[in-house]
Protein backbone atom coordinates (compact mmCIF):
# COMPACT_ATOMS: atom_id res chain seq x y z
CA MET A 1 106.56 82.55 94.06
CA SER A 2 106.48 83.34 97.79
CA SER A 3 103.31 82.95 99.85
CA THR A 4 103.30 86.72 100.48
CA THR A 5 103.33 87.48 96.78
CA THR A 6 100.60 84.91 96.16
CA THR A 7 98.44 86.50 98.87
CA ASP A 8 99.03 89.96 97.44
CA SER A 9 98.11 88.78 93.94
CA THR A 10 94.87 87.30 95.26
CA GLU A 11 94.04 90.56 97.03
CA LEU A 12 94.75 92.48 93.83
CA GLN A 13 92.29 90.32 91.90
CA ASN A 14 89.67 90.81 94.62
CA LEU A 15 90.15 94.57 94.51
CA ILE A 16 89.83 94.66 90.73
CA LYS A 17 86.49 92.82 90.96
CA ARG A 18 85.14 95.16 93.64
CA PHE A 19 85.97 98.27 91.65
CA GLN A 20 84.58 96.71 88.46
CA ASN A 21 81.29 96.17 90.31
CA TYR A 22 81.23 99.79 91.47
CA GLU A 23 79.21 102.03 89.20
CA THR A 24 81.06 105.28 88.65
CA HIS A 25 79.11 108.50 88.25
CA LEU A 26 81.10 110.36 85.62
CA ARG A 27 80.48 114.09 85.40
CA GLN A 28 79.91 115.65 82.00
CA HIS A 29 80.82 119.22 83.02
CA LEU A 30 84.02 119.20 85.03
CA PRO A 31 85.78 122.34 86.23
CA PRO A 32 88.54 123.58 83.88
CA LYS A 33 91.10 123.11 86.65
CA SER A 34 92.02 119.45 87.04
CA SER A 35 94.23 117.41 89.36
CA ALA A 36 94.63 113.76 90.32
CA VAL A 37 95.74 111.90 93.42
CA LEU A 38 97.08 108.38 93.79
CA VAL A 39 95.34 106.15 96.32
CA CYS A 40 98.14 103.59 96.57
CA LEU A 41 97.09 100.46 98.45
CA TYR A 42 99.22 97.55 99.56
CA GLN A 43 98.80 94.50 101.76
CA GLU A 44 100.78 93.91 104.93
CA GLN A 45 100.72 91.38 107.75
CA ARG A 46 99.73 93.17 110.96
CA GLU A 47 98.68 91.56 114.23
CA ASP A 48 98.05 88.11 112.75
CA LYS A 49 95.98 89.38 109.84
CA ASN A 50 96.53 90.70 106.35
CA GLU A 51 95.68 94.38 106.30
CA LEU A 52 95.16 96.75 103.41
CA ARG A 53 97.01 100.01 103.94
CA VAL A 54 97.22 103.27 102.03
CA ILE A 55 100.22 105.58 101.56
CA LEU A 56 99.83 109.20 102.69
CA THR A 57 102.01 112.27 103.00
CA LYS A 58 102.34 115.23 105.33
CA ARG A 59 102.70 118.30 103.14
CA SER A 60 105.59 120.68 103.65
CA SER A 61 104.90 123.50 106.10
CA THR A 62 106.39 125.95 103.57
CA LEU A 63 103.78 125.32 100.88
CA SER A 64 101.35 128.14 100.12
CA SER A 65 98.42 125.73 99.82
CA HIS A 66 97.38 123.50 102.74
CA PRO A 67 100.80 123.59 104.49
CA GLY A 68 101.47 120.78 106.97
CA GLU A 69 98.26 118.92 106.16
CA VAL A 70 97.95 115.21 105.41
CA ALA A 71 97.31 114.44 101.74
CA LEU A 72 97.40 111.76 99.08
CA PRO A 73 100.29 112.01 96.60
CA GLY A 74 99.09 114.05 93.64
CA GLY A 75 98.72 117.44 92.06
CA LYS A 76 97.69 119.49 89.05
CA ARG A 77 97.56 118.02 85.60
CA ASP A 78 100.38 119.05 83.27
CA GLU A 79 100.00 119.53 79.54
CA GLU A 80 102.18 116.50 78.83
CA ASP A 81 100.01 114.21 80.98
CA LYS A 82 97.83 112.15 78.67
CA ASP A 83 95.26 111.37 81.38
CA ASP A 84 94.54 111.39 85.12
CA ILE A 85 96.52 108.18 85.64
CA ALA A 86 99.61 109.81 84.15
CA THR A 87 99.14 112.83 86.42
CA ALA A 88 98.76 110.75 89.58
CA LEU A 89 101.77 108.53 88.81
CA ARG A 90 103.99 111.46 87.83
CA GLU A 91 103.12 113.39 90.97
CA ALA A 92 103.70 110.33 93.17
CA ARG A 93 107.13 109.86 91.64
CA GLU A 94 108.00 113.54 92.12
CA GLU A 95 106.65 113.79 95.66
CA ILE A 96 107.56 110.45 97.27
CA GLY A 97 109.89 108.69 94.81
CA LEU A 98 107.39 105.97 93.87
CA ASP A 99 108.40 104.22 90.65
CA PRO A 100 105.28 103.99 88.43
CA SER A 101 106.32 100.51 87.29
CA LEU A 102 105.65 99.22 90.82
CA VAL A 103 102.00 100.28 90.73
CA THR A 104 99.15 98.34 89.14
CA ILE A 105 96.28 100.71 88.32
CA ILE A 106 92.91 99.30 89.38
CA SER A 107 90.40 102.07 88.75
CA VAL A 108 89.75 105.77 88.31
CA LEU A 109 86.88 107.15 90.40
CA GLU A 110 84.55 110.08 89.82
CA PRO A 111 86.14 113.43 90.65
CA PHE A 112 85.68 115.35 93.86
CA VAL A 113 85.55 119.15 93.53
CA ASN A 114 87.18 121.34 96.15
CA LYS A 115 86.13 124.80 97.34
CA LYS A 116 88.34 126.48 94.74
CA GLY A 117 86.53 124.68 91.92
CA MET A 118 89.33 122.23 91.11
CA SER A 119 88.40 118.66 90.27
CA VAL A 120 90.42 116.05 92.14
CA VAL A 121 90.36 112.62 90.49
CA PRO A 122 91.20 109.61 92.70
CA VAL A 123 93.32 107.05 90.85
CA ILE A 124 93.37 103.69 92.62
CA GLY A 125 96.60 101.70 92.46
CA PHE A 126 98.03 98.59 94.12
CA LEU A 127 101.63 98.08 95.21
CA LEU A 128 102.43 94.38 94.92
CA ASP A 129 105.96 94.62 96.31
CA LYS A 130 106.04 97.15 99.16
CA LYS A 131 109.70 96.33 99.91
CA ALA A 132 110.67 97.53 96.43
CA PHE A 133 109.36 101.00 97.26
CA LYS A 134 112.09 103.16 98.75
CA PRO A 135 110.36 106.34 100.01
CA LEU A 136 112.14 109.50 98.93
CA PRO A 137 110.22 112.60 100.01
CA ASN A 138 110.70 115.74 97.95
CA PRO A 139 111.52 118.28 100.72
CA ALA A 140 109.96 121.14 98.75
CA GLU A 141 106.58 119.40 98.88
CA VAL A 142 106.59 116.61 101.48
CA GLU A 143 107.76 116.51 105.09
CA GLU A 144 106.84 112.90 105.85
CA ILE A 145 105.56 109.72 104.22
CA PHE A 146 103.49 107.28 106.25
CA ASP A 147 100.72 104.73 105.87
CA VAL A 148 97.45 103.89 107.58
CA PRO A 149 94.95 101.00 107.50
CA LEU A 150 92.26 101.67 104.89
CA GLU A 151 89.49 100.17 107.01
CA MET A 152 89.88 102.89 109.66
CA PHE A 153 87.95 105.24 107.36
CA LEU A 154 84.77 103.24 107.95
CA LYS A 155 85.07 103.17 111.74
CA ASP A 156 83.81 105.65 114.29
CA LYS A 157 86.78 104.99 116.59
CA ASN A 158 89.43 107.73 116.78
CA LYS A 159 87.23 110.02 114.70
CA ARG A 160 85.58 113.35 115.35
CA THR A 161 83.09 115.29 113.27
CA GLU A 162 82.84 119.03 112.72
CA GLU A 163 79.89 120.83 111.18
CA ARG A 164 80.77 123.53 108.66
CA GLU A 165 78.84 125.95 106.46
CA HIS A 166 79.48 127.09 102.89
CA GLU A 167 77.18 129.45 100.99
CA GLY A 168 74.31 128.67 103.35
CA GLU A 169 74.78 124.91 103.19
CA ARG A 170 75.72 122.99 106.32
CA TYR A 171 77.83 119.85 105.97
CA LEU A 172 80.02 117.53 108.03
CA LEU A 173 83.78 117.10 107.91
CA GLN A 174 85.34 113.95 109.35
CA TYR A 175 88.68 114.06 111.23
CA PHE A 176 90.55 110.77 111.71
CA ASP A 177 93.34 110.62 114.31
CA TYR A 178 96.05 108.05 113.64
CA TYR A 179 99.08 107.39 115.82
CA SER A 180 101.96 106.03 113.74
CA GLU A 181 104.22 103.79 115.80
CA ASP A 182 106.86 103.99 113.08
CA LYS A 183 106.91 107.80 113.22
CA GLU A 184 106.06 108.00 116.94
CA ARG A 185 103.58 110.78 116.33
CA ASN A 186 99.93 111.48 115.58
CA PHE A 187 98.52 112.45 112.19
CA ILE A 188 95.11 113.94 111.42
CA ILE A 189 93.44 112.99 108.13
CA TRP A 190 90.47 115.19 107.28
CA ALA A 191 88.47 117.14 104.68
CA LEU A 192 88.78 116.06 101.03
CA THR A 193 91.48 113.45 101.72
CA ALA A 194 89.28 111.78 104.33
CA GLY A 195 86.28 112.00 101.99
CA ILE A 196 88.15 110.23 99.20
CA LEU A 197 89.37 107.49 101.54
CA ILE A 198 85.89 106.94 102.98
CA ARG A 199 84.63 106.43 99.42
CA VAL A 200 87.48 104.03 98.56
CA ALA A 201 87.08 102.05 101.79
CA SER A 202 83.32 101.75 101.20
CA ILE A 203 83.98 100.20 97.78
CA VAL A 204 86.76 97.90 98.97
CA TYR A 205 84.93 96.60 102.04
CA GLN A 206 81.49 96.84 100.42
CA ARG A 207 79.80 98.53 103.34
CA LEU A 208 78.84 101.98 104.56
CA PRO A 209 80.78 103.79 107.31
CA GLU A 210 79.67 103.46 110.92
CA PHE A 211 79.01 107.20 111.08
CA GLN A 212 76.75 109.69 109.31
CA GLU A 213 78.05 111.33 106.17
CA ARG A 214 76.77 114.70 105.02
CA LYS A 215 79.12 115.60 102.22
CA PRO A 216 79.41 119.23 101.08
CA ARG A 217 77.43 119.81 97.90
CA PHE A 218 80.39 121.47 96.19
CA TRP A 219 82.23 118.13 96.23
CA ASN A 220 79.77 117.19 93.46
CA GLN A 221 79.69 113.62 94.71
CA PRO A 222 76.91 111.02 94.45
CA SER A 223 75.13 110.13 97.70
């Protein structure tokens, strides 16, 4: 076994323990509409350190919903999906060509609920062999596939905050700017996607973000 694989296996075990220690807040009354997203993590050597990174997509500009925005691979649950894990893995395969056999599922977090009343369940997975993943974007849904360091979602650097209002409630949305050297362009990660990744990063690194969070109440998330 190579040293890289050994390191990745150790990181996987560490991640499993952190998510096992995290107390999920399962909701008893979820919206009838359900979807799941795959938070696919992997470890990579960057600038003399091992870094956890997460795979993201830029949605097609032709989509009717959230065109051109950055998102996690995922989508609505189909009748044949036995659970949220099946939904997340199926959607990731359809959208970015990720073989489910390459992903080790670590955890399923409590759902977020978007403005339209759809529950979005984050499924946490780990990619042991990043080189085995050959990205294949589905042009009908995805324009680009890229990755970012997970820890950036706890840092105040390259982030801006916007106050919004919904049904009389004021809340904060976080916008994270990330310049991808591989793609030679900037991506903005915000709204629900950013909220999910802040939650995941907080569990993985076992600390709160450097900035204030004021999540919208309709997300139905614990404080």
